[in-house]
């Protein structure tokens, strides 16, 4: 069985709305994320706490009106953006501190994210019909 992140996010969001109510709940989601970060700091080897953090992040984005496809696209584009940035040598970083990209004047403003043509798990790309997925993929699939 292939895991479908889109269906999982839709299922999780439906449960969240039933359980915690509708609406943005931004402050509540952030508060819960802060609690989870403390739990991760206390037990960084507990995968369930990391999963909680992911679920809360997805829930917060969906409560702001973003759809699963938009969230996945934003993740792909952010990865492309991060890969295009300059980063310091990790060996020179202070242990226990964040490693941030090298800030260059106007780099973020001039960085144009171009659409990324990705293939589905069956190897089909944009504008190709995929029988297992049951649809023709677009640029956002």
N, C-alpha and C. Protein backbone atom coordinates (compact mmCIF):
# COMPACT_ATOMS: atom_id res chain seq x y z
N UNK A 1 0.84 -1.18 0.00
CA UNK A 1 0.00 0.00 0.00
C UNK A 1 0.89 1.25 0.00
N UNK A 2 0.59 2.17 -0.88
CA UNK A 2 1.34 3.43 -0.99
C UNK A 2 0.71 4.46 -0.05
N UNK A 3 1.56 5.12 0.72
CA UNK A 3 1.09 6.17 1.62
C UNK A 3 0.76 7.40 0.81
N UNK A 4 -0.41 7.96 1.03
CA UNK A 4 -0.85 9.16 0.32
C UNK A 4 -0.90 10.32 1.32
N UNK A 5 0.09 11.19 1.26
CA UNK A 5 0.18 12.31 2.20
C UNK A 5 -1.03 13.24 2.08
N UNK A 6 -1.57 13.39 0.87
CA UNK A 6 -2.72 14.28 0.69
C UNK A 6 -3.93 13.75 1.45
N UNK A 7 -4.21 12.46 1.30
CA UNK A 7 -5.34 11.85 2.01
C UNK A 7 -5.12 11.89 3.51
N UNK A 8 -3.87 11.67 3.94
CA UNK A 8 -3.56 11.71 5.37
C UNK A 8 -3.82 13.09 5.94
N UNK A 9 -3.40 14.13 5.22
CA UNK A 9 -3.61 15.49 5.71
C UNK A 9 -5.09 15.84 5.75
N UNK A 10 -5.84 15.43 4.75
CA UNK A 10 -7.28 15.69 4.76
C UNK A 10 -7.95 14.98 5.93
N UNK A 11 -7.55 13.73 6.19
CA UNK A 11 -8.09 12.96 7.32
C UNK A 11 -7.74 13.63 8.65
N UNK A 12 -6.49 14.03 8.79
CA UNK A 12 -6.02 14.64 10.03
C UNK A 12 -6.74 15.96 10.28
N UNK A 13 -6.93 16.76 9.21
CA UNK A 13 -7.59 18.06 9.37
C UNK A 13 -9.06 17.89 9.73
N UNK A 14 -9.73 16.93 9.13
CA UNK A 14 -11.14 16.67 9.46
C UNK A 14 -11.25 16.28 10.94
N UNK A 15 -10.34 15.43 11.41
CA UNK A 15 -10.34 15.03 12.82
C UNK A 15 -10.07 16.25 13.71
N UNK A 16 -9.11 17.08 13.32
CA UNK A 16 -8.76 18.26 14.11
C UNK A 16 -9.95 19.20 14.26
N UNK A 17 -10.66 19.45 13.16
CA UNK A 17 -11.83 20.35 13.23
C UNK A 17 -12.92 19.76 14.12
N UNK A 18 -13.13 18.44 14.03
CA UNK A 18 -14.15 17.80 14.90
C UNK A 18 -13.73 17.86 16.36
N UNK A 19 -12.47 17.68 16.61
CA UNK A 19 -11.97 17.56 17.98
C UNK A 19 -11.71 18.91 18.64
N UNK A 20 -11.13 19.86 17.90
CA UNK A 20 -10.72 21.14 18.48
C UNK A 20 -11.56 22.32 17.98
N UNK A 21 -12.48 22.05 17.06
CA UNK A 21 -13.34 23.09 16.55
C UNK A 21 -12.79 23.74 15.30
N UNK A 22 -13.65 24.47 14.60
CA UNK A 22 -13.24 25.12 13.36
C UNK A 22 -12.47 26.41 13.62
N UNK A 23 -12.04 27.03 12.57
CA UNK A 23 -11.38 28.32 12.69
C UNK A 23 -9.87 28.22 12.70
N UNK A 24 -9.23 29.38 12.72
CA UNK A 24 -7.77 29.43 12.63
C UNK A 24 -7.07 28.88 13.86
N UNK A 25 -7.49 29.27 15.05
CA UNK A 25 -6.87 28.81 16.30
C UNK A 25 -5.35 28.97 16.31
N UNK A 26 -4.85 30.02 15.65
CA UNK A 26 -3.42 30.21 15.49
C UNK A 26 -2.68 30.24 16.83
N UNK A 27 -3.16 31.02 17.78
CA UNK A 27 -2.49 31.11 19.08
C UNK A 27 -2.46 29.75 19.77
N UNK A 28 -3.56 29.01 19.69
CA UNK A 28 -3.61 27.69 20.31
C UNK A 28 -2.66 26.70 19.65
N UNK A 29 -2.58 26.75 18.33
CA UNK A 29 -1.66 25.86 17.62
C UNK A 29 -0.22 26.21 17.97
N UNK A 30 0.11 27.49 18.00
CA UNK A 30 1.47 27.91 18.35
C UNK A 30 1.80 27.49 19.78
N UNK A 31 0.86 27.67 20.69
CA UNK A 31 1.08 27.26 22.08
C UNK A 31 1.37 25.77 22.15
N UNK A 32 0.61 24.99 21.41
CA UNK A 32 0.81 23.54 21.41
C UNK A 32 2.16 23.18 20.79
N UNK A 33 2.55 23.88 19.71
CA UNK A 33 3.86 23.64 19.10
C UNK A 33 4.98 23.93 20.11
N UNK A 34 4.83 25.01 20.88
CA UNK A 34 5.85 25.34 21.89
C UNK A 34 5.94 24.24 22.95
N UNK A 35 4.80 23.67 23.34
CA UNK A 35 4.82 22.55 24.28
C UNK A 35 5.55 21.35 23.69
N UNK A 36 5.26 21.06 22.42
CA UNK A 36 5.91 19.92 21.76
C UNK A 36 7.41 20.13 21.63
N UNK A 37 7.84 21.36 21.37
CA UNK A 37 9.27 21.64 21.28
C UNK A 37 9.96 21.36 22.61
N UNK A 38 9.31 21.68 23.71
CA UNK A 38 9.88 21.38 25.02
C UNK A 38 9.97 19.86 25.23
N UNK A 39 8.96 19.14 24.78
CA UNK A 39 8.98 17.68 24.91
C UNK A 39 10.09 17.08 24.04
N UNK A 40 10.29 17.63 22.85
CA UNK A 40 11.37 17.15 21.98
C UNK A 40 12.72 17.45 22.62
N UNK A 41 12.88 18.64 23.20
CA UNK A 41 14.13 18.98 23.86
C UNK A 41 14.44 18.01 25.00
N UNK A 42 13.40 17.59 25.70
CA UNK A 42 13.58 16.65 26.82
C UNK A 42 13.86 15.23 26.33
N UNK A 43 13.23 14.85 25.19
CA UNK A 43 13.40 13.49 24.68
C UNK A 43 13.55 13.53 23.15
N UNK A 44 14.72 13.96 22.66
CA UNK A 44 14.89 14.11 21.22
C UNK A 44 14.84 12.80 20.43
N UNK A 45 14.94 11.68 21.10
CA UNK A 45 14.89 10.39 20.40
C UNK A 45 13.47 9.81 20.34
N UNK A 46 12.48 10.59 20.76
CA UNK A 46 11.09 10.13 20.75
C UNK A 46 10.43 10.57 19.45
N UNK A 47 10.33 9.64 18.50
CA UNK A 47 9.78 9.95 17.18
C UNK A 47 8.34 10.44 17.26
N UNK A 48 7.58 9.97 18.23
CA UNK A 48 6.19 10.40 18.35
C UNK A 48 6.08 11.90 18.60
N UNK A 49 7.03 12.46 19.34
CA UNK A 49 7.01 13.91 19.60
C UNK A 49 7.31 14.69 18.32
N UNK A 50 8.24 14.18 17.52
CA UNK A 50 8.52 14.82 16.23
C UNK A 50 7.28 14.75 15.34
N UNK A 51 6.58 13.61 15.36
CA UNK A 51 5.35 13.48 14.57
C UNK A 51 4.30 14.48 15.03
N UNK A 52 4.18 14.67 16.35
CA UNK A 52 3.25 15.69 16.87
C UNK A 52 3.55 17.06 16.28
N UNK A 53 4.83 17.40 16.23
CA UNK A 53 5.24 18.70 15.69
C UNK A 53 4.83 18.84 14.23
N UNK A 54 5.04 17.79 13.45
CA UNK A 54 4.63 17.82 12.03
C UNK A 54 3.13 17.98 11.90
N UNK A 55 2.36 17.20 12.66
CA UNK A 55 0.90 17.27 12.58
C UNK A 55 0.40 18.66 12.95
N UNK A 56 0.97 19.24 13.98
CA UNK A 56 0.56 20.59 14.39
C UNK A 56 0.91 21.62 13.33
N UNK A 57 2.07 21.47 12.69
CA UNK A 57 2.46 22.40 11.63
C UNK A 57 1.50 22.32 10.46
N UNK A 58 1.18 21.10 10.04
CA UNK A 58 0.22 20.92 8.95
C UNK A 58 -1.15 21.46 9.34
N UNK A 59 -1.57 21.18 10.57
CA UNK A 59 -2.88 21.65 11.04
C UNK A 59 -2.94 23.18 11.01
N UNK A 60 -1.89 23.82 11.48
CA UNK A 60 -1.86 25.28 11.48
C UNK A 60 -1.97 25.85 10.08
N UNK A 61 -1.26 25.26 9.14
CA UNK A 61 -1.31 25.74 7.76
C UNK A 61 -2.71 25.52 7.16
N UNK A 62 -3.31 24.36 7.42
CA UNK A 62 -4.64 24.09 6.87
C UNK A 62 -5.68 24.99 7.52
N UNK A 63 -5.52 25.30 8.80
CA UNK A 63 -6.45 26.22 9.46
C UNK A 63 -6.34 27.63 8.90
N UNK A 64 -5.23 27.95 8.27
CA UNK A 64 -5.07 29.25 7.61
C UNK A 64 -5.63 29.21 6.18
N UNK A 65 -6.20 28.08 5.80
CA UNK A 65 -6.86 27.97 4.49
C UNK A 65 -6.05 27.31 3.40
N UNK A 66 -4.84 26.85 3.71
CA UNK A 66 -4.02 26.19 2.70
C UNK A 66 -4.46 24.74 2.53
N UNK A 67 -4.49 24.29 1.30
CA UNK A 67 -4.86 22.92 0.96
C UNK A 67 -3.62 22.04 0.98
N UNK A 68 -3.80 20.72 1.16
CA UNK A 68 -2.64 19.82 1.17
C UNK A 68 -1.71 19.99 -0.03
N UNK A 69 -2.27 20.15 -1.23
CA UNK A 69 -1.42 20.32 -2.42
C UNK A 69 -0.60 21.60 -2.33
N UNK A 70 -1.18 22.67 -1.78
CA UNK A 70 -0.44 23.92 -1.62
C UNK A 70 0.69 23.76 -0.61
N UNK A 71 0.42 23.03 0.46
CA UNK A 71 1.44 22.80 1.49
C UNK A 71 2.60 22.00 0.92
N UNK A 72 2.29 20.94 0.18
CA UNK A 72 3.34 20.11 -0.41
C UNK A 72 4.15 20.92 -1.43
N UNK A 73 3.47 21.75 -2.22
CA UNK A 73 4.18 22.59 -3.19
C UNK A 73 5.09 23.57 -2.47
N UNK A 74 4.59 24.19 -1.39
CA UNK A 74 5.41 25.13 -0.63
C UNK A 74 6.64 24.43 -0.05
N UNK A 75 6.46 23.20 0.40
CA UNK A 75 7.61 22.46 0.94
C UNK A 75 8.64 22.20 -0.16
N UNK A 76 8.18 21.80 -1.35
CA UNK A 76 9.11 21.54 -2.46
C UNK A 76 9.84 22.82 -2.84
N UNK A 77 9.09 23.93 -2.96
CA UNK A 77 9.70 25.19 -3.37
C UNK A 77 10.66 25.72 -2.31
N UNK A 78 10.32 25.54 -1.05
CA UNK A 78 11.22 25.98 0.02
C UNK A 78 12.52 25.18 0.00
N UNK A 79 12.42 23.88 -0.31
CA UNK A 79 13.63 23.07 -0.41
C UNK A 79 14.51 23.56 -1.56
N UNK A 80 13.90 23.87 -2.70
CA UNK A 80 14.64 24.42 -3.84
C UNK A 80 15.33 25.73 -3.43
N UNK A 81 14.58 26.58 -2.73
CA UNK A 81 15.13 27.86 -2.29
C UNK A 81 16.30 27.64 -1.34
N UNK A 82 16.14 26.73 -0.38
CA UNK A 82 17.23 26.45 0.55
C UNK A 82 18.46 25.89 -0.16
N UNK A 83 18.23 25.03 -1.13
CA UNK A 83 19.35 24.45 -1.87
C UNK A 83 20.09 25.51 -2.69
N UNK A 84 19.41 26.58 -3.06
CA UNK A 84 20.03 27.65 -3.82
C UNK A 84 20.76 28.67 -2.97
N UNK A 85 20.62 28.57 -1.67
CA UNK A 85 21.28 29.52 -0.77
C UNK A 85 22.70 29.06 -0.45
N UNK A 86 23.49 29.99 0.03
CA UNK A 86 24.84 29.67 0.50
C UNK A 86 24.78 29.43 2.00
N UNK A 87 25.44 28.37 2.41
CA UNK A 87 25.44 27.96 3.82
C UNK A 87 26.87 27.89 4.33
N UNK A 88 27.09 28.24 5.59
CA UNK A 88 28.44 28.12 6.16
C UNK A 88 28.81 26.65 6.34
N UNK A 89 30.08 26.40 6.46
CA UNK A 89 30.55 25.05 6.72
C UNK A 89 30.04 24.61 8.09
N UNK A 90 29.29 23.53 8.13
CA UNK A 90 28.69 23.07 9.38
C UNK A 90 29.73 22.76 10.45
N UNK A 91 30.96 22.44 10.02
CA UNK A 91 32.01 22.12 11.00
C UNK A 91 32.46 23.33 11.79
N UNK A 92 32.13 24.54 11.28
CA UNK A 92 32.53 25.76 11.97
C UNK A 92 31.40 26.32 12.84
N UNK A 93 30.25 25.67 12.81
CA UNK A 93 29.09 26.16 13.56
C UNK A 93 29.21 25.82 15.04
N UNK A 94 28.63 26.68 15.85
CA UNK A 94 28.62 26.44 17.28
C UNK A 94 27.64 25.30 17.58
N UNK A 95 28.11 24.25 18.27
CA UNK A 95 27.22 23.13 18.60
C UNK A 95 25.99 23.61 19.38
N UNK A 96 24.84 23.09 19.04
CA UNK A 96 23.62 23.44 19.74
C UNK A 96 22.96 24.72 19.25
N UNK A 97 23.53 25.34 18.25
CA UNK A 97 22.96 26.57 17.70
C UNK A 97 22.50 26.31 16.26
N UNK A 98 21.53 27.08 15.82
CA UNK A 98 21.04 26.95 14.45
C UNK A 98 22.13 27.32 13.46
N UNK A 99 22.12 26.64 12.31
CA UNK A 99 23.01 27.01 11.21
C UNK A 99 22.14 27.73 10.19
N UNK A 100 22.35 29.03 10.08
CA UNK A 100 21.56 29.85 9.16
C UNK A 100 22.31 30.09 7.87
N UNK A 101 21.54 30.29 6.80
CA UNK A 101 22.18 30.58 5.52
C UNK A 101 22.90 31.91 5.60
N UNK A 102 23.84 32.10 4.71
CA UNK A 102 24.61 33.34 4.67
C UNK A 102 23.72 34.42 4.07
N UNK A 103 23.49 35.46 4.84
CA UNK A 103 22.62 36.56 4.39
C UNK A 103 23.36 37.39 3.36
N UNK A 104 22.77 37.47 2.20
CA UNK A 104 23.34 38.27 1.12
C UNK A 104 22.35 39.38 0.78
N UNK A 105 22.83 40.58 0.55
CA UNK A 105 21.92 41.70 0.26
C UNK A 105 20.98 41.38 -0.91
N UNK A 106 19.69 41.52 -0.65
CA UNK A 106 18.66 41.34 -1.66
C UNK A 106 18.59 39.94 -2.25
N UNK A 107 19.27 38.96 -1.67
CA UNK A 107 19.26 37.62 -2.24
C UNK A 107 17.86 37.02 -2.22
N UNK A 108 17.16 37.16 -1.10
CA UNK A 108 15.83 36.58 -1.01
C UNK A 108 14.86 37.27 -1.95
N UNK A 109 14.98 38.59 -2.09
CA UNK A 109 14.06 39.32 -2.95
C UNK A 109 14.29 39.00 -4.42
N UNK A 110 15.54 38.71 -4.79
CA UNK A 110 15.86 38.45 -6.19
C UNK A 110 15.76 36.98 -6.56
N UNK A 111 15.55 36.13 -5.59
CA UNK A 111 15.47 34.70 -5.86
C UNK A 111 14.08 34.39 -6.39
N UNK A 112 14.00 34.02 -7.64
CA UNK A 112 12.70 33.71 -8.25
C UNK A 112 12.48 32.20 -8.21
N UNK A 113 11.44 31.79 -7.54
CA UNK A 113 11.10 30.38 -7.51
C UNK A 113 10.40 30.02 -8.81
N UNK A 114 10.97 29.07 -9.51
CA UNK A 114 10.38 28.63 -10.76
C UNK A 114 9.58 27.36 -10.50
N UNK A 115 8.51 27.15 -11.25
CA UNK A 115 7.74 25.92 -11.07
C UNK A 115 8.64 24.70 -11.24
N UNK A 116 8.46 23.75 -10.38
CA UNK A 116 9.25 22.53 -10.42
C UNK A 116 8.37 21.43 -10.97
N UNK A 117 8.80 20.83 -12.06
CA UNK A 117 8.04 19.73 -12.65
C UNK A 117 8.45 18.44 -11.96
N UNK A 118 7.62 17.97 -11.06
CA UNK A 118 7.92 16.75 -10.32
C UNK A 118 7.07 15.60 -10.84
N UNK A 119 7.57 14.42 -10.68
CA UNK A 119 6.84 13.23 -11.10
C UNK A 119 6.12 12.63 -9.90
N UNK A 120 5.00 11.98 -10.19
CA UNK A 120 4.27 11.30 -9.13
C UNK A 120 5.04 10.03 -8.76
N UNK A 121 4.53 9.30 -7.78
CA UNK A 121 5.21 8.09 -7.34
C UNK A 121 5.23 7.00 -8.40
N UNK A 122 4.45 7.19 -9.49
CA UNK A 122 4.41 6.21 -10.58
C UNK A 122 5.27 6.65 -11.76
N UNK A 123 6.00 7.76 -11.61
CA UNK A 123 6.91 8.21 -12.64
C UNK A 123 6.29 9.10 -13.70
N UNK A 124 5.04 9.52 -13.51
CA UNK A 124 4.38 10.38 -14.49
C UNK A 124 4.63 11.84 -14.14
N UNK A 125 4.90 12.64 -15.15
CA UNK A 125 5.17 14.05 -14.94
C UNK A 125 4.00 14.91 -15.34
N UNK A 126 4.22 16.23 -15.40
CA UNK A 126 3.17 17.17 -15.77
C UNK A 126 2.55 16.83 -17.12
N UNK A 127 1.25 16.96 -17.20
CA UNK A 127 0.48 16.74 -18.41
C UNK A 127 0.53 15.29 -18.91
N UNK A 128 0.90 14.35 -18.05
CA UNK A 128 0.89 12.94 -18.41
C UNK A 128 -0.23 12.26 -17.64
N UNK A 129 -0.98 11.40 -18.34
CA UNK A 129 -2.03 10.65 -17.67
C UNK A 129 -1.40 9.52 -16.87
N UNK A 130 -1.86 9.36 -15.63
CA UNK A 130 -1.35 8.32 -14.74
C UNK A 130 -2.52 7.43 -14.34
N UNK A 131 -2.55 6.21 -14.86
CA UNK A 131 -3.65 5.30 -14.55
C UNK A 131 -3.74 4.99 -13.06
N UNK A 132 -2.63 4.68 -12.36
CA UNK A 132 -2.75 4.40 -10.92
C UNK A 132 -3.31 5.57 -10.12
N UNK A 133 -2.93 6.80 -10.51
CA UNK A 133 -3.45 7.98 -9.81
C UNK A 133 -4.83 8.36 -10.32
N UNK A 134 -5.16 7.89 -11.53
CA UNK A 134 -6.47 8.15 -12.10
C UNK A 134 -6.67 9.56 -12.61
N UNK A 135 -5.58 10.22 -13.01
CA UNK A 135 -5.73 11.59 -13.50
C UNK A 135 -4.51 12.02 -14.31
N UNK A 136 -4.66 13.15 -14.98
CA UNK A 136 -3.54 13.77 -15.68
C UNK A 136 -2.93 14.77 -14.72
N UNK A 137 -1.65 14.66 -14.52
CA UNK A 137 -0.98 15.53 -13.56
C UNK A 137 -0.74 16.91 -14.15
N UNK A 138 -0.89 17.92 -13.29
CA UNK A 138 -0.57 19.30 -13.67
C UNK A 138 0.76 19.67 -13.05
N UNK A 139 1.15 20.90 -13.18
CA UNK A 139 2.43 21.34 -12.63
C UNK A 139 2.43 21.31 -11.12
N UNK A 140 1.25 21.37 -10.47
CA UNK A 140 1.16 21.40 -9.01
C UNK A 140 0.96 20.02 -8.42
N UNK A 141 1.05 18.98 -9.20
CA UNK A 141 0.77 17.66 -8.64
C UNK A 141 1.98 17.03 -8.05
